[in-house]
Amino acid sequence: MKKVALTVAVLALGLAACHKNYAENNAANETAVENNAEYDVNAASNDATAVADNALNAAGNDINAAGNTVSNASNTVANATTKTK
């Protein structure tokens, strides 16, 4: 009888040890989902910022190139005018 009681006690402890705490698991899963969502939002925000920065840099470069073209054309006109006098 003692052997049976001991076996039952060991099995009960084993079951208690295996019992899952679903509330803790759910909380951990929810935290993981929130962390991953935050990571995704940050990554998307960083990508959008990088794209916007690149677009602004490209526009600035185009404006500088246009300014240089106008300046060169002005110099060409000035040089042509000076040479014809």
PDB file of N, CA and C in Angstrom:
ATOM      1  N   MET A   1       0.819  -1.187   0.000  1.00  0.00           N
ATOM      2  CA  MET A   1       0.000   0.000   0.000  1.00  0.00           C
ATOM      3  C   MET A   1       0.864   1.252   0.000  1.00  0.00           C
ATOM      4  N   LYS A   2       1.979   1.198   0.768  1.00  0.00           N
ATOM      5  CA  LYS A   2       2.856   2.358   0.802  1.00  0.00           C
ATOM      6  C   LYS A   2       3.451   2.623  -0.577  1.00  0.00           C
ATOM      7  N   LYS A   3       3.736   1.534  -1.300  1.00  0.00           N
ATOM      8  CA  LYS A   3       4.324   1.676  -2.635  1.00  0.00           C
ATOM      9  C   LYS A   3       3.327   2.365  -3.581  1.00  0.00           C
ATOM     10  N   VAL A   4       2.082   2.026  -3.490  1.00  0.00           N
ATOM     11  CA  VAL A   4       1.047   2.630  -4.316  1.00  0.00           C
ATOM     12  C   VAL A   4       0.880   4.103  -3.952  1.00  0.00           C
ATOM     13  N   ALA A   5       0.859   4.400  -2.668  1.00  0.00           N
ATOM     14  CA  ALA A   5       0.707   5.787  -2.215  1.00  0.00           C
ATOM     15  C   ALA A   5       1.888   6.629  -2.676  1.00  0.00           C
ATOM     16  N   LEU A   6       3.095   6.045  -2.598  1.00  0.00           N
ATOM     17  CA  LEU A   6       4.290   6.760  -3.038  1.00  0.00           C
ATOM     18  C   LEU A   6       4.235   7.005  -4.547  1.00  0.00           C
ATOM     19  N   THR A   7       3.809   6.016  -5.294  1.00  0.00           N
ATOM     20  CA  THR A   7       3.687   6.155  -6.753  1.00  0.00           C
ATOM     21  C   THR A   7       2.677   7.237  -7.106  1.00  0.00           C
ATOM     22  N   VAL A   8       1.555   7.262  -6.429  1.00  0.00           N
ATOM     23  CA  VAL A   8       0.532   8.285  -6.667  1.00  0.00           C
ATOM     24  C   VAL A   8       1.073   9.665  -6.338  1.00  0.00           C
ATOM     25  N   ALA A   9       1.798   9.782  -5.241  1.00  0.00           N
ATOM     26  CA  ALA A   9       2.367  11.078  -4.855  1.00  0.00           C
ATOM     27  C   ALA A   9       3.377  11.561  -5.888  1.00  0.00           C
ATOM     28  N   VAL A  10       4.222  10.672  -6.370  1.00  0.00           N
ATOM     29  CA  VAL A  10       5.222  11.032  -7.395  1.00  0.00           C
ATOM     30  C   VAL A  10       4.523  11.449  -8.677  1.00  0.00           C
ATOM     31  N   LEU A  11       3.503  10.712  -9.072  1.00  0.00           N
ATOM     32  CA  LEU A  11       2.761  11.078 -10.283  1.00  0.00           C
ATOM     33  C   LEU A  11       2.059  12.420 -10.123  1.00  0.00           C
ATOM     34  N   ALA A  12       1.518  12.666  -8.949  1.00  0.00           N
ATOM     35  CA  ALA A  12       0.851  13.950  -8.706  1.00  0.00           C
ATOM     36  C   ALA A  12       1.845  15.101  -8.790  1.00  0.00           C
ATOM     37  N   LEU A  13       3.033  14.908  -8.205  1.00  0.00           N
ATOM     38  CA  LEU A  13       4.065  15.957  -8.302  1.00  0.00           C
ATOM     39  C   LEU A  13       4.517  16.163  -9.749  1.00  0.00           C
ATOM     40  N   GLY A  14       4.622  15.050 -10.461  1.00  0.00           N
ATOM     41  CA  GLY A  14       5.013  15.149 -11.870  1.00  0.00           C
ATOM     42  C   GLY A  14       3.983  15.907 -12.687  1.00  0.00           C
ATOM     43  N   LEU A  15       2.720  15.624 -12.443  1.00  0.00           N
ATOM     44  CA  LEU A  15       1.655  16.341 -13.147  1.00  0.00           C
ATOM     45  C   LEU A  15       1.639  17.821 -12.766  1.00  0.00           C
ATOM     46  N   ALA A  16       1.875  18.092 -11.498  1.00  0.00           N
ATOM     47  CA  ALA A  16       1.909  19.486 -11.054  1.00  0.00           C
ATOM     48  C   ALA A  16       3.056  20.231 -11.709  1.00  0.00           C
ATOM     49  N   ALA A  17       4.177  19.554 -11.859  1.00  0.00           N
ATOM     50  CA  ALA A  17       5.339  20.191 -12.491  1.00  0.00           C
ATOM     51  C   ALA A  17       5.100  20.425 -13.977  1.00  0.00           C
ATOM     52  N   CYS A  18       4.340  19.552 -14.604  1.00  0.00           N
ATOM     53  CA  CYS A  18       4.066  19.692 -16.041  1.00  0.00           C
ATOM     54  C   CYS A  18       2.905  20.631 -16.334  1.00  0.00           C
ATOM     55  N   HIS A  19       2.165  20.990 -15.318  1.00  0.00           N
ATOM     56  CA  HIS A  19       1.001  21.857 -15.530  1.00  0.00           C
ATOM     57  C   HIS A  19       1.448  23.199 -16.094  1.00  0.00           C
ATOM     58  N   LYS A  20       0.874  23.563 -17.202  1.00  0.00           N
ATOM     59  CA  LYS A  20       1.258  24.815 -17.865  1.00  0.00           C
ATOM     60  C   LYS A  20       0.476  25.971 -17.286  1.00  0.00           C
ATOM     61  N   ASN A  21       1.160  27.058 -17.164  1.00  0.00           N
ATOM     62  CA  ASN A  21       0.495  28.278 -16.713  1.00  0.00           C
ATOM     63  C   ASN A  21       0.143  29.082 -17.965  1.00  0.00           C
ATOM     64  N   TYR A  22      -1.061  28.903 -18.438  1.00  0.00           N
ATOM     65  CA  TYR A  22      -1.470  29.500 -19.699  1.00  0.00           C
ATOM     66  C   TYR A  22      -1.478  31.021 -19.645  1.00  0.00           C
ATOM     67  N   ALA A  23      -1.794  31.585 -18.507  1.00  0.00           N
ATOM     68  CA  ALA A  23      -1.815  33.048 -18.402  1.00  0.00           C
ATOM     69  C   ALA A  23      -0.420  33.618 -18.620  1.00  0.00           C
ATOM     70  N   GLU A  24       0.589  32.991 -18.015  1.00  0.00           N
ATOM     71  CA  GLU A  24       1.961  33.464 -18.210  1.00  0.00           C
ATOM     72  C   GLU A  24       2.415  33.264 -19.651  1.00  0.00           C
ATOM     73  N   ASN A  25       2.070  32.116 -20.238  1.00  0.00           N
ATOM     74  CA  ASN A  25       2.443  31.853 -21.625  1.00  0.00           C
ATOM     75  C   ASN A  25       1.767  32.853 -22.560  1.00  0.00           C
ATOM     76  N   ASN A  26       0.485  33.123 -22.310  1.00  0.00           N
ATOM     77  CA  ASN A  26      -0.228  34.088 -23.149  1.00  0.00           C
ATOM     78  C   ASN A  26       0.380  35.478 -23.021  1.00  0.00           C
ATOM     79  N   ALA A  27       0.750  35.858 -21.803  1.00  0.00           N
ATOM     80  CA  ALA A  27       1.362  37.171 -21.585  1.00  0.00           C
ATOM     81  C   ALA A  27       2.699  37.249 -22.300  1.00  0.00           C
ATOM     82  N   ALA A  28       3.472  36.175 -22.228  1.00  0.00           N
ATOM     83  CA  ALA A  28       4.772  36.153 -22.907  1.00  0.00           C
ATOM     84  C   ALA A  28       4.592  36.228 -24.417  1.00  0.00           C
ATOM     85  N   ASN A  29       3.606  35.507 -24.940  1.00  0.00           N
ATOM     86  CA  ASN A  29       3.337  35.551 -26.381  1.00  0.00           C
ATOM     87  C   ASN A  29       2.881  36.935 -26.808  1.00  0.00           C
ATOM     88  N   GLU A  30       2.033  37.547 -26.007  1.00  0.00           N
ATOM     89  CA  GLU A  30       1.556  38.891 -26.332  1.00  0.00           C
ATOM     90  C   GLU A  30       2.710  39.890 -26.324  1.00  0.00           C
ATOM     91  N   THR A  31       3.599  39.749 -25.356  1.00  0.00           N
ATOM     92  CA  THR A  31       4.766  40.627 -25.296  1.00  0.00           C
ATOM     93  C   THR A  31       5.650  40.429 -26.523  1.00  0.00           C
ATOM     94  N   ALA A  32       5.839  39.189 -26.926  1.00  0.00           N
ATOM     95  CA  ALA A  32       6.648  38.909 -28.115  1.00  0.00           C
ATOM     96  C   ALA A  32       6.012  39.516 -29.360  1.00  0.00           C
ATOM     97  N   VAL A  33       4.708  39.404 -29.477  1.00  0.00           N
ATOM     98  CA  VAL A  33       4.007  39.989 -30.631  1.00  0.00           C
ATOM     99  C   VAL A  33       4.165  41.515 -30.632  1.00  0.00           C
ATOM    100  N   GLU A  34       4.017  42.122 -29.458  1.00  0.00           N
ATOM    101  CA  GLU A  34       4.167  43.579 -29.362  1.00  0.00           C
ATOM    102  C   GLU A  34       5.582  44.011 -29.694  1.00  0.00           C
ATOM    103  N   ASN A  35       6.569  43.264 -29.206  1.00  0.00           N
ATOM    104  CA  ASN A  35       7.962  43.607 -29.513  1.00  0.00           C
ATOM    105  C   ASN A  35       8.249  43.484 -30.999  1.00  0.00           C
ATOM    106  N   ASN A  36       7.742  42.423 -31.617  1.00  0.00           N
ATOM    107  CA  ASN A  36       7.948  42.245 -33.059  1.00  0.00           C
ATOM    108  C   ASN A  36       7.236  43.333 -33.851  1.00  0.00           C
ATOM    109  N   ALA A  37       6.052  43.713 -33.415  1.00  0.00           N
ATOM    110  CA  ALA A  37       5.331  44.784 -34.106  1.00  0.00           C
ATOM    111  C   ALA A  37       6.089  46.098 -33.987  1.00  0.00           C
ATOM    112  N   GLU A  38       6.624  46.359 -32.803  1.00  0.00           N
ATOM    113  CA  GLU A  38       7.404  47.592 -32.610  1.00  0.00           C
ATOM    114  C   GLU A  38       8.643  47.577 -33.500  1.00  0.00           C
ATOM    115  N   TYR A  39       9.294  46.429 -33.597  1.00  0.00           N
ATOM    116  CA  TYR A  39      10.469  46.301 -34.463  1.00  0.00           C
ATOM    117  C   TYR A  39      10.096  46.579 -35.914  1.00  0.00           C
ATOM    118  N   ASP A  40       8.972  46.003 -36.367  1.00  0.00           N
ATOM    119  CA  ASP A  40       8.527  46.202 -37.744  1.00  0.00           C
ATOM    120  C   ASP A  40       8.205  47.664 -38.021  1.00  0.00           C
ATOM    121  N   VAL A  41       7.546  48.326 -37.071  1.00  0.00           N
ATOM    122  CA  VAL A  41       7.200  49.742 -37.246  1.00  0.00           C
ATOM    123  C   VAL A  41       8.474  50.582 -37.311  1.00  0.00           C
ATOM    124  N   ASN A  42       9.416  50.297 -36.431  1.00  0.00           N
ATOM    125  CA  ASN A  42      10.677  51.046 -36.443  1.00  0.00           C
ATOM    126  C   ASN A  42      11.437  50.828 -37.741  1.00  0.00           C
ATOM    127  N   ALA A  43      11.459  49.597 -38.217  1.00  0.00           N
ATOM    128  CA  ALA A  43      12.158  49.300 -39.465  1.00  0.00           C
ATOM    129  C   ALA A  43      11.497  50.029 -40.633  1.00  0.00           C
ATOM    130  N   ALA A  44      10.177  50.018 -40.667  1.00  0.00           N
ATOM    131  CA  ALA A  44       9.462  50.714 -41.745  1.00  0.00           C
ATOM    132  C   ALA A  44       9.697  52.213 -41.669  1.00  0.00           C
ATOM    133  N   SER A  45       9.703  52.747 -40.473  1.00  0.00           N
ATOM    134  CA  SER A  45       9.944  54.178 -40.288  1.00  0.00           C
ATOM    135  C   SER A  45      11.353  54.542 -40.732  1.00  0.00           C
ATOM    136  N   ASN A  46      12.319  53.710 -40.360  1.00  0.00           N
ATOM    137  CA  ASN A  46      13.702  53.968 -40.771  1.00  0.00           C
ATOM    138  C   ASN A  46      13.850  53.884 -42.279  1.00  0.00           C
ATOM    139  N   ASP A  47      13.185  52.908 -42.904  1.00  0.00           N
ATOM    140  CA  ASP A  47      13.240  52.782 -44.357  1.00  0.00           C
ATOM    141  C   ASP A  47      12.622  54.003 -45.029  1.00  0.00           C
ATOM    142  N   ALA A  48      11.486  54.455 -44.528  1.00  0.00           N
ATOM    143  CA  ALA A  48      10.818  55.618 -45.110  1.00  0.00           C
ATOM    144  C   ALA A  48      11.680  56.868 -44.959  1.00  0.00           C
ATOM    145  N   THR A  49      12.327  56.998 -43.812  1.00  0.00           N
ATOM    146  CA  THR A  49      13.202  58.148 -43.584  1.00  0.00           C
ATOM    147  C   THR A  49      14.387  58.117 -44.543  1.00  0.00           C
ATOM    148  N   ALA A  50      14.969  56.942 -44.726  1.00  0.00           N
ATOM    149  CA  ALA A  50      16.107  56.814 -45.635  1.00  0.00           C
ATOM    150  C   ALA A  50      15.695  57.149 -47.074  1.00  0.00           C
ATOM    151  N   VAL A  51      14.521  56.679 -47.477  1.00  0.00           N
ATOM    152  CA  VAL A  51      14.037  56.967 -48.834  1.00  0.00           C
ATOM    153  C   VAL A  51      13.802  58.466 -49.006  1.00  0.00           C
ATOM    154  N   ALA A  52      13.205  59.093 -47.999  1.00  0.00           N
ATOM    155  CA  ALA A  52      12.956  60.530 -48.077  1.00  0.00           C
ATOM    156  C   ALA A  52      14.273  61.306 -48.124  1.00  0.00           C
ATOM    157  N   ASP A  53      15.237  60.911 -47.306  1.00  0.00           N
ATOM    158  CA  ASP A  53      16.548  61.567 -47.319  1.00  0.00           C
ATOM    159  C   ASP A  53      17.211  61.433 -48.680  1.00  0.00           C
ATOM    160  N   ASN A  54      17.147  60.236 -49.248  1.00  0.00           N
ATOM    161  CA  ASN A  54      17.741  60.024 -50.575  1.00  0.00           C
ATOM    162  C   ASN A  54      17.056  60.874 -51.630  1.00  0.00           C
ATOM    163  N   ALA A  55      15.738  60.974 -51.555  1.00  0.00           N
ATOM    164  CA  ALA A  55      14.999  61.784 -52.526  1.00  0.00           C
ATOM    165  C   ALA A  55      15.371  63.259 -52.391  1.00  0.00           C
ATOM    166  N   LEU A  56      15.481  63.733 -51.147  1.00  0.00           N
ATOM    167  CA  LEU A  56      15.874  65.131 -50.942  1.00  0.00           C
ATOM    168  C   LEU A  56      17.292  65.391 -51.428  1.00  0.00           C
ATOM    169  N   ASN A  57      18.189  64.452 -51.167  1.00  0.00           N
ATOM    170  CA  ASN A  57      19.567  64.609 -51.653  1.00  0.00           C
ATOM    171  C   ASN A  57      19.619  64.631 -53.177  1.00  0.00           C
ATOM    172  N   ALA A  58      18.847  63.764 -53.807  1.00  0.00           N
ATOM    173  CA  ALA A  58      18.806  63.734 -55.272  1.00  0.00           C
ATOM    174  C   ALA A  58      18.242  65.037 -55.823  1.00  0.00           C
ATOM    175  N   ALA A  59      17.189  65.544 -55.184  1.00  0.00           N
ATOM    176  CA  ALA A  59      16.609  66.815 -55.640  1.00  0.00           C
ATOM    177  C   ALA A  59      17.619  67.952 -55.461  1.00  0.00           C
ATOM    178  N   GLY A  60      18.319  67.956 -54.334  1.00  0.00           N
ATOM    179  CA  GLY A  60      19.344  68.981 -54.105  1.00  0.00           C
ATOM    180  C   GLY A  60      20.447  68.907 -55.137  1.00  0.00           C
ATOM    181  N   ASN A  61      20.857  67.694 -55.484  1.00  0.00           N
ATOM    182  CA  ASN A  61      21.888  67.522 -56.507  1.00  0.00           C
ATOM    183  C   ASN A  61      21.400  68.023 -57.863  1.00  0.00           C
ATOM    184  N   ASP A  62      20.144  67.748 -58.187  1.00  0.00           N
ATOM    185  CA  ASP A  62      19.581  68.214 -59.462  1.00  0.00           C
ATOM    186  C   ASP A  62      19.526  69.740 -59.503  1.00  0.00           C
ATOM    187  N   ILE A  63      19.169  70.351 -58.383  1.00  0.00           N
ATOM    188  CA  ILE A  63      19.118  71.814 -58.330  1.00  0.00           C
ATOM    189  C   ILE A  63      20.515  72.398 -58.498  1.00  0.00           C
ATOM    190  N   ASN A  64      21.495  71.780 -57.837  1.00  0.00           N
ATOM    191  CA  ASN A  64      22.871  72.255 -57.998  1.00  0.00           C
ATOM    192  C   ASN A  64      23.343  72.112 -59.443  1.00  0.00           C
ATOM    193  N   ALA A  65      23.008  71.008 -60.065  1.00  0.00           N
ATOM    194  CA  ALA A  65      23.399  70.788 -61.456  1.00  0.00           C
ATOM    195  C   ALA A  65      22.739  71.816 -62.365  1.00  0.00           C
ATOM    196  N   ALA A  66      21.472  72.112 -62.128  1.00  0.00           N
ATOM    197  CA  ALA A  66      20.774  73.121 -62.935  1.00  0.00           C
ATOM    198  C   ALA A  66      21.409  74.495 -62.728  1.00  0.00           C
ATOM    199  N   GLY A  67      21.757  74.811 -61.487  1.00  0.00           N
ATOM    200  CA  GLY A  67      22.428  76.084 -61.203  1.00  0.00           C
ATOM    201  C   GLY A  67      23.770  76.178 -61.913  1.00  0.00           C
ATOM    202  N   ASN A  68      24.511  75.084 -61.916  1.00  0.00           N
ATOM    203  CA  ASN A  68      25.796  75.072 -62.622  1.00  0.00           C
ATOM    204  C   ASN A  68      25.608  75.241 -64.122  1.00  0.00           C
ATOM    205  N   THR A  69      24.579  74.627 -64.663  1.00  0.00           N
ATOM    206  CA  THR A  69      24.301  74.762 -66.097  1.00  0.00           C
ATOM    207  C   THR A  69      23.973  76.217 -66.448  1.00  0.00           C
ATOM    208  N   VAL A  70      23.159  76.860 -65.634  1.00  0.00           N
ATOM    209  CA  VAL A  70      22.817  78.271 -65.858  1.00  0.00           C
ATOM    210  C   VAL A  70      24.065  79.134 -65.745  1.00  0.00           C
ATOM    211  N   SER A  71      24.886  78.865 -64.747  1.00  0.00           N
ATOM    212  CA  SER A  71      26.120  79.640 -64.562  1.00  0.00           C
ATOM    213  C   SER A  71      27.062  79.454 -65.749  1.00  0.00           C
ATOM    214  N   ASN A  72      27.188  78.222 -66.207  1.00  0.00           N
ATOM    215  CA  ASN A  72      28.051  77.962 -67.368  1.00  0.00           C
ATOM    216  C   ASN A  72      27.521  78.649 -68.616  1.00  0.00           C
ATOM    217  N   ALA A  73      26.207  78.608 -68.808  1.00  0.00           N
ATOM    218  CA  ALA A  73      25.618  79.284 -69.969  1.00  0.00           C
ATOM    219  C   ALA A  73      25.852  80.782 -69.880  1.00  0.00           C
ATOM    220  N   SER A  74      25.715  81.341 -68.692  1.00  0.00           N
ATOM    221  CA  SER A  74      25.960  82.772 -68.498  1.00  0.00           C
ATOM    222  C   SER A  74      27.408  83.117 -68.802  1.00  0.00           C
ATOM    223  N   ASN A  75      28.324  82.272 -68.338  1.00  0.00           N
ATOM    224  CA  ASN A  75      29.741  82.503 -68.630  1.00  0.00           C
ATOM    225  C   ASN A  75      30.035  82.390 -70.120  1.00  0.00           C
ATOM    226  N   THR A  76      29.387  81.448 -70.792  1.00  0.00           N
ATOM    227  CA  THR A  76      29.575  81.287 -72.235  1.00  0.00           C
ATOM    228  C   THR A  76      29.111  82.533 -72.977  1.00  0.00           C
ATOM    229  N   VAL A  77      27.965  83.073 -72.570  1.00  0.00           N
ATOM    230  CA  VAL A  77      27.450  84.302 -73.188  1.00  0.00           C
ATOM    231  C   VAL A  77      28.394  85.466 -72.910  1.00  0.00           C
ATOM    232  N   ALA A  78      28.865  85.570 -71.680  1.00  0.00           N
ATOM    233  CA  ALA A  78      29.773  86.659 -71.328  1.00  0.00           C
ATOM    234  C   ALA A  78      31.072  86.545 -72.106  1.00  0.00           C
ATOM    235  N   ASN A  79      31.590  85.351 -72.234  1.00  0.00           N
ATOM    236  CA  ASN A  79      32.837  85.161 -72.995  1.00  0.00           C
ATOM    237  C   ASN A  79      32.637  85.460 -74.474  1.00  0.00           C
ATOM    238  N   ALA A  80      31.518  85.045 -75.022  1.00  0.00           N
ATOM    239  CA  ALA A  80      31.250  85.314 -76.435  1.00  0.00           C
ATOM    240  C   ALA A  80      31.091  86.800 -76.672  1.00  0.00           C
ATOM    241  N   THR A  81      30.454  87.491 -75.732  1.00  0.00           N
ATOM    242  CA  THR A  81      30.276  88.932 -75.867  1.00  0.00           C
ATOM    243  C   THR A  81      31.603  89.646 -75.780  1.00  0.00           C
ATOM    244  N   THR A  82      32.465  89.227 -74.900  1.00  0.00           N
ATOM    245  CA  THR A  82      33.772  89.861 -74.708  1.00  0.00           C
ATOM    246  C   THR A  82      34.653  89.654 -75.935  1.00  0.00           C
ATOM    247  N   LYS A  83      34.610  88.500 -76.518  1.00  0.00           N
ATOM    248  CA  LYS A  83      35.456  88.184 -77.684  1.00  0.00           C
ATOM    249  C   LYS A  83      34.999  88.914 -78.944  1.00  0.00           C
ATOM    250  N   THR A  84      33.738  89.251 -79.061  1.00  0.00           N
ATOM    251  CA  THR A  84      33.256  89.898 -80.265  1.00  0.00           C
ATOM    252  C   THR A  84      33.475  91.393 -80.236  1.00  0.00           C
ATOM    253  N   LYS A  85      33.840  91.970 -79.098  1.00  0.00           N
ATOM    254  CA  LYS A  85      34.021  93.430 -79.028  1.00  0.00           C
ATOM    255  C   LYS A  85      35.339  93.841 -79.564  1.00  0.00           C
TER     256      LYS A  85
END
